[in-house]
Amino acid sequence: MSETHFGYQTVDESQKATRVRGVFDSVASRYDVMNDLMSMGLHRAWKAYTVAVADLREGQSVLDIAAGTGDLARAFAKRVGAKGTVVHSDINEAMLRRGRDRLLDEGLVLPTLICDAEKLPFASNRFDLVSVAFGLRNMTHKDAALAEMNRVLKPGGRLLVLEFSKVAGPLSKAYDWYSFKILPRIGSLVAGDAESYRYLAESIRMHPGQAELKAMMKIAGFGHVDVHNLSAGVVALHVGIKC
């Protein structure tokens, strides 16, 4: 039996995807409100920075993985224009439906599909850009997912991984206090779910730090990887270029 982490718990690999799905089924309806509250609005700046680094041009093709409620997909679609393509994908149906509905409300009709990042249903060398924001840490086999992202990129294409990372040392105690004492309380009050946000805090601690994730991306086939620390390392944007 192979085991993996679900927050601080050790579970069978076959159980993780189901348990992660349960977390996001629970929080989907309040996901956007909670993002604003728990990041004090900073998630908008982190995503805006990611869109700026993406530097997309009209007509390009993008795969947005773990796209959820569609913040990045919306911004990317505006930049690639009518001649471009942005695929809005997520493994969680509740999150994907919420994102699709938001996009439709804004007049955006994007290809939307339930998609496992570890087994992407696309041809090799298909996309100019692949993005995954706050989703990689929830994947059971991160190495397999990164290899798949590399496979579907065109040569010279880029992967953008926006994810919680290892905060700067002087802030670690305050960040831990907020994560484990305050965040679950906000989750309980606003979303009626303290446990899902306790898992969020734990999953961040179990996720590879900046240097380790950079090394994993290189092993997956990215010839060059830049790391952009945001908010003192609370979040990091890893940018990998396919050879």
Protein backbone atom coordinates (compact mmCIF):
# COMPACT_ATOMS: atom_id res chain seq x y z
CA MET A 1 0.00 0.00 0.00
CA SER A 2 1.42 3.41 -1.01
CA GLU A 3 0.80 6.32 1.33
CA THR A 4 0.78 10.10 0.96
CA HIS A 5 -0.04 13.19 2.99
CA PHE A 6 -3.46 14.74 3.48
CA GLY A 7 -2.46 17.74 5.52
CA TYR A 8 -0.65 16.27 8.53
CA GLN A 9 -2.42 12.92 8.19
CA THR A 10 -0.94 9.96 6.38
CA VAL A 11 -3.48 8.30 4.08
CA ASP A 12 -3.53 5.71 1.33
CA GLU A 13 -2.78 7.30 -2.06
CA SER A 14 -6.12 6.08 -3.39
CA GLN A 15 -7.96 8.14 -0.74
CA LYS A 16 -6.33 11.52 -1.20
CA ALA A 17 -8.15 12.70 -4.34
CA THR A 18 -11.51 11.82 -2.78
CA ARG A 19 -10.70 13.64 0.45
CA VAL A 20 -9.43 16.73 -1.38
CA ARG A 21 -12.61 16.67 -3.47
CA GLY A 22 -14.62 16.67 -0.26
CA VAL A 23 -12.78 19.76 0.98
CA PHE A 24 -13.53 21.73 -2.17
CA ASP A 25 -17.10 20.49 -2.44
CA SER A 26 -17.57 21.89 1.05
CA VAL A 27 -16.05 25.33 0.41
CA ALA A 28 -17.02 25.96 -3.24
CA SER A 29 -20.00 28.21 -2.51
CA ARG A 30 -17.95 30.54 -0.27
CA TYR A 31 -14.58 30.09 -1.95
CA ASP A 32 -14.22 33.60 -3.38
CA VAL A 33 -15.34 35.35 -0.19
CA MET A 34 -12.93 33.24 1.84
CA ASN A 35 -10.06 34.02 -0.53
CA ASP A 36 -10.57 37.73 0.05
CA LEU A 37 -10.86 37.35 3.81
CA MET A 38 -8.03 34.93 4.49
CA SER A 39 -5.52 36.73 2.21
CA MET A 40 -6.83 40.22 3.06
CA GLY A 41 -7.34 40.71 -0.66
CA LEU A 42 -3.72 39.91 -1.54
CA HIS A 43 -4.71 36.94 -3.74
CA ARG A 44 -5.88 39.49 -6.32
CA ALA A 45 -2.43 41.09 -6.44
CA TRP A 46 -0.72 37.66 -6.64
CA LYS A 47 -2.93 36.67 -9.59
CA ALA A 48 -2.46 40.04 -11.31
CA TYR A 49 1.31 39.59 -11.03
CA THR A 50 0.98 36.10 -12.54
CA VAL A 51 -1.01 37.47 -15.48
CA ALA A 52 1.64 40.16 -16.04
CA VAL A 53 4.45 37.58 -16.01
CA ALA A 54 2.46 35.38 -18.44
CA ASP A 55 2.76 38.20 -21.02
CA LEU A 56 0.30 36.51 -23.36
CA ARG A 57 -0.27 37.60 -26.94
CA GLU A 58 -3.35 37.48 -29.11
CA GLY A 59 -3.99 34.06 -30.60
CA GLN A 60 -2.03 32.03 -28.06
CA SER A 61 -3.33 28.88 -26.33
CA VAL A 62 -3.52 28.42 -22.56
CA LEU A 63 -4.41 25.54 -20.25
CA ASP A 64 -5.49 26.72 -16.80
CA ILE A 65 -5.32 23.74 -14.39
CA ALA A 66 -7.12 23.77 -11.03
CA ALA A 67 -8.81 26.84 -12.47
CA GLY A 68 -11.64 26.77 -9.96
CA THR A 69 -13.76 29.89 -10.02
CA GLY A 70 -11.91 31.22 -13.04
CA ASP A 71 -9.95 34.30 -11.97
CA LEU A 72 -6.88 33.53 -14.09
CA ALA A 73 -8.86 32.01 -16.98
CA ARG A 74 -10.87 35.24 -17.26
CA ALA A 75 -7.76 37.42 -17.32
CA PHE A 76 -5.95 35.15 -19.79
CA ALA A 77 -8.96 35.10 -22.13
CA LYS A 78 -8.93 38.88 -22.38
CA ARG A 79 -5.30 38.80 -23.48
CA VAL A 80 -5.40 36.01 -26.06
CA GLY A 81 -8.56 37.44 -27.64
CA ALA A 82 -11.06 35.76 -29.91
CA LYS A 83 -8.32 34.04 -31.92
CA GLY A 84 -6.78 32.45 -28.84
CA THR A 85 -7.89 29.60 -26.59
CA VAL A 86 -8.09 29.30 -22.82
CA VAL A 87 -9.12 25.91 -21.43
CA HIS A 88 -10.74 26.21 -17.98
CA SER A 89 -10.14 22.92 -16.16
CA ASP A 90 -10.39 21.47 -12.67
CA ILE A 91 -10.68 18.00 -11.12
CA ASN A 92 -13.47 19.25 -8.81
CA GLU A 93 -16.88 19.52 -10.45
CA ALA A 94 -18.39 21.89 -7.85
CA MET A 95 -15.56 24.38 -8.28
CA LEU A 96 -15.63 24.06 -12.06
CA ARG A 97 -19.38 24.66 -12.24
CA ARG A 98 -19.06 27.76 -10.09
CA GLY A 99 -16.26 29.08 -12.27
CA ARG A 100 -18.11 28.31 -15.51
CA ASP A 101 -21.21 30.11 -14.23
CA ARG A 102 -19.19 33.17 -13.27
CA LEU A 103 -17.53 33.27 -16.67
CA LEU A 104 -20.87 32.91 -18.47
CA ASP A 105 -22.32 35.73 -16.36
CA GLU A 106 -19.53 37.92 -17.73
CA GLY A 107 -20.17 36.82 -21.32
CA LEU A 108 -17.13 34.52 -21.54
CA VAL A 109 -17.65 31.07 -23.07
CA LEU A 110 -14.51 29.01 -22.54
CA PRO A 111 -13.83 25.29 -23.07
CA THR A 112 -14.49 23.86 -19.60
CA LEU A 113 -13.72 20.31 -18.54
CA ILE A 114 -13.15 18.09 -15.54
CA CYS A 115 -9.52 17.15 -15.82
CA ASP A 116 -6.95 15.22 -13.74
CA ALA A 117 -3.62 17.02 -14.00
CA GLU A 118 -1.76 13.75 -13.60
CA LYS A 119 -3.38 12.41 -16.80
CA LEU A 120 -4.06 15.36 -19.07
CA PRO A 121 -6.37 14.55 -22.04
CA PHE A 122 -4.45 16.68 -24.54
CA ALA A 123 -1.94 16.03 -27.31
CA SER A 124 1.71 16.74 -26.68
CA ASN A 125 3.10 20.18 -27.65
CA ARG A 126 -0.39 21.73 -27.61
CA PHE A 127 -0.24 24.89 -25.43
CA ASP A 128 1.85 28.07 -25.27
CA LEU A 129 1.21 28.42 -21.55
CA VAL A 130 0.05 26.16 -18.72
CA SER A 131 -0.90 27.63 -15.36
CA VAL A 132 -1.84 26.15 -12.00
CA ALA A 133 -2.73 28.46 -9.11
CA PHE A 134 -3.08 27.09 -5.58
CA GLY A 135 -3.70 23.58 -6.87
CA LEU A 136 -0.39 21.75 -7.12
CA ARG A 137 -0.14 21.13 -3.37
CA ASN A 138 -3.41 19.15 -3.47
CA MET A 139 -2.18 16.72 -6.14
CA THR A 140 -1.20 13.22 -5.05
CA HIS A 141 1.69 12.73 -7.49
CA LYS A 142 3.15 16.19 -8.07
CA ASP A 143 6.02 14.81 -10.14
CA ALA A 144 3.60 13.10 -12.54
CA ALA A 145 1.49 16.25 -12.81
CA LEU A 146 4.52 18.43 -13.58
CA ALA A 147 5.68 15.94 -16.23
CA GLU A 148 2.23 16.06 -17.84
CA MET A 149 2.24 19.85 -17.84
CA ASN A 150 5.62 19.75 -19.55
CA ARG A 151 4.36 17.24 -22.12
CA VAL A 152 1.41 19.35 -23.29
CA LEU A 153 3.49 22.53 -23.64
CA LYS A 154 5.02 23.53 -26.93
CA PRO A 155 8.84 23.71 -26.99
CA GLY A 156 9.69 27.06 -25.44
CA GLY A 157 6.29 27.18 -23.75
CA ARG A 158 6.02 28.15 -20.09
CA LEU A 159 4.51 26.70 -16.94
CA LEU A 160 3.39 29.13 -14.23
CA VAL A 161 2.91 27.62 -10.77
CA LEU A 162 1.43 30.05 -8.25
CA GLU A 163 1.37 28.39 -4.85
CA PHE A 164 1.74 28.95 -1.12
CA SER A 165 5.37 28.45 -0.20
CA LYS A 166 7.90 28.83 2.62
CA VAL A 167 7.53 32.19 4.37
CA ALA A 168 10.60 34.20 5.43
CA GLY A 169 11.97 33.08 8.80
CA PRO A 170 11.20 36.23 10.86
CA LEU A 171 7.51 35.94 9.96
CA SER A 172 7.10 32.20 10.52
CA LYS A 173 5.74 32.32 14.09
CA ALA A 174 3.17 35.01 13.30
CA TYR A 175 2.19 33.19 10.12
CA ASP A 176 1.73 29.90 12.00
CA TRP A 177 -0.41 31.63 14.63
CA TYR A 178 -2.64 33.15 11.95
CA SER A 179 -2.83 29.90 9.96
CA PHE A 180 -3.75 27.58 12.83
CA LYS A 181 -5.63 29.89 15.22
CA ILE A 182 -7.37 32.50 13.08
CA LEU A 183 -7.92 30.89 9.68
CA PRO A 184 -10.04 27.94 10.95
CA ARG A 185 -12.18 30.38 12.95
CA ILE A 186 -12.84 32.47 9.83
CA GLY A 187 -13.66 29.28 7.97
CA SER A 188 -16.13 28.27 10.67
CA LEU A 189 -17.85 31.67 10.77
CA VAL A 190 -18.02 32.37 7.04
CA ALA A 191 -18.08 28.96 5.37
CA GLY A 192 -19.33 26.85 8.26
CA ASP A 193 -16.26 24.65 7.89
CA ALA A 194 -13.24 24.96 10.15
CA GLU A 195 -11.74 21.59 9.19
CA SER A 196 -11.27 22.39 5.50
CA TYR A 197 -9.30 25.50 6.39
CA ARG A 198 -7.27 23.61 8.97
CA TYR A 199 -6.39 21.23 6.11
CA LEU A 200 -5.41 24.25 4.01
CA ALA A 201 -2.91 25.37 6.65
CA GLU A 202 -1.50 21.87 7.02
CA SER A 203 -1.26 21.27 3.26
CA ILE A 204 0.81 24.45 2.87
CA ARG A 205 3.35 23.14 5.40
CA MET A 206 3.60 19.78 3.62
CA HIS A 207 4.09 21.36 0.17
CA PRO A 208 7.65 21.62 -1.21
CA GLY A 209 9.39 24.93 -0.56
CA GLN A 210 10.79 27.19 -3.25
CA ALA A 211 14.07 25.37 -3.88
CA GLU A 212 12.55 21.88 -3.75
CA LEU A 213 9.76 22.74 -6.18
CA LYS A 214 12.28 24.35 -8.54
CA ALA A 215 14.29 21.11 -8.50
CA MET A 216 11.14 19.06 -9.15
CA MET A 217 10.29 21.20 -12.18
CA LYS A 218 13.77 20.72 -13.60
CA ILE A 219 13.47 16.95 -13.18
CA ALA A 220 10.12 17.14 -15.00
CA GLY A 221 11.85 18.61 -18.04
CA PHE A 222 11.92 22.37 -17.60
CA GLY A 223 15.30 23.65 -18.68
CA HIS A 224 15.05 26.96 -16.86
CA VAL A 225 13.01 27.81 -13.76
CA ASP A 226 12.69 31.24 -12.13
CA VAL A 227 11.23 31.74 -8.65
CA HIS A 228 9.40 34.94 -7.74
CA ASN A 229 8.74 35.29 -4.00
CA LEU A 230 5.61 37.30 -3.21
CA SER A 231 4.60 38.68 0.20
CA ALA A 232 7.84 37.52 1.86
CA GLY A 233 7.45 33.99 0.51
CA VAL A 234 3.88 33.41 1.69
CA VAL A 235 3.34 32.71 -2.00
CA ALA A 236 5.84 31.97 -4.77
CA LEU A 237 5.44 32.03 -8.53
CA HIS A 238 7.59 29.42 -10.26
CA VAL A 239 8.09 29.98 -13.98
CA GLY A 240 9.43 27.02 -15.97
CA ILE A 241 10.42 27.04 -19.64
CA LYS A 242 10.14 23.81 -21.63
CA CYS A 243 13.30 22.86 -23.50
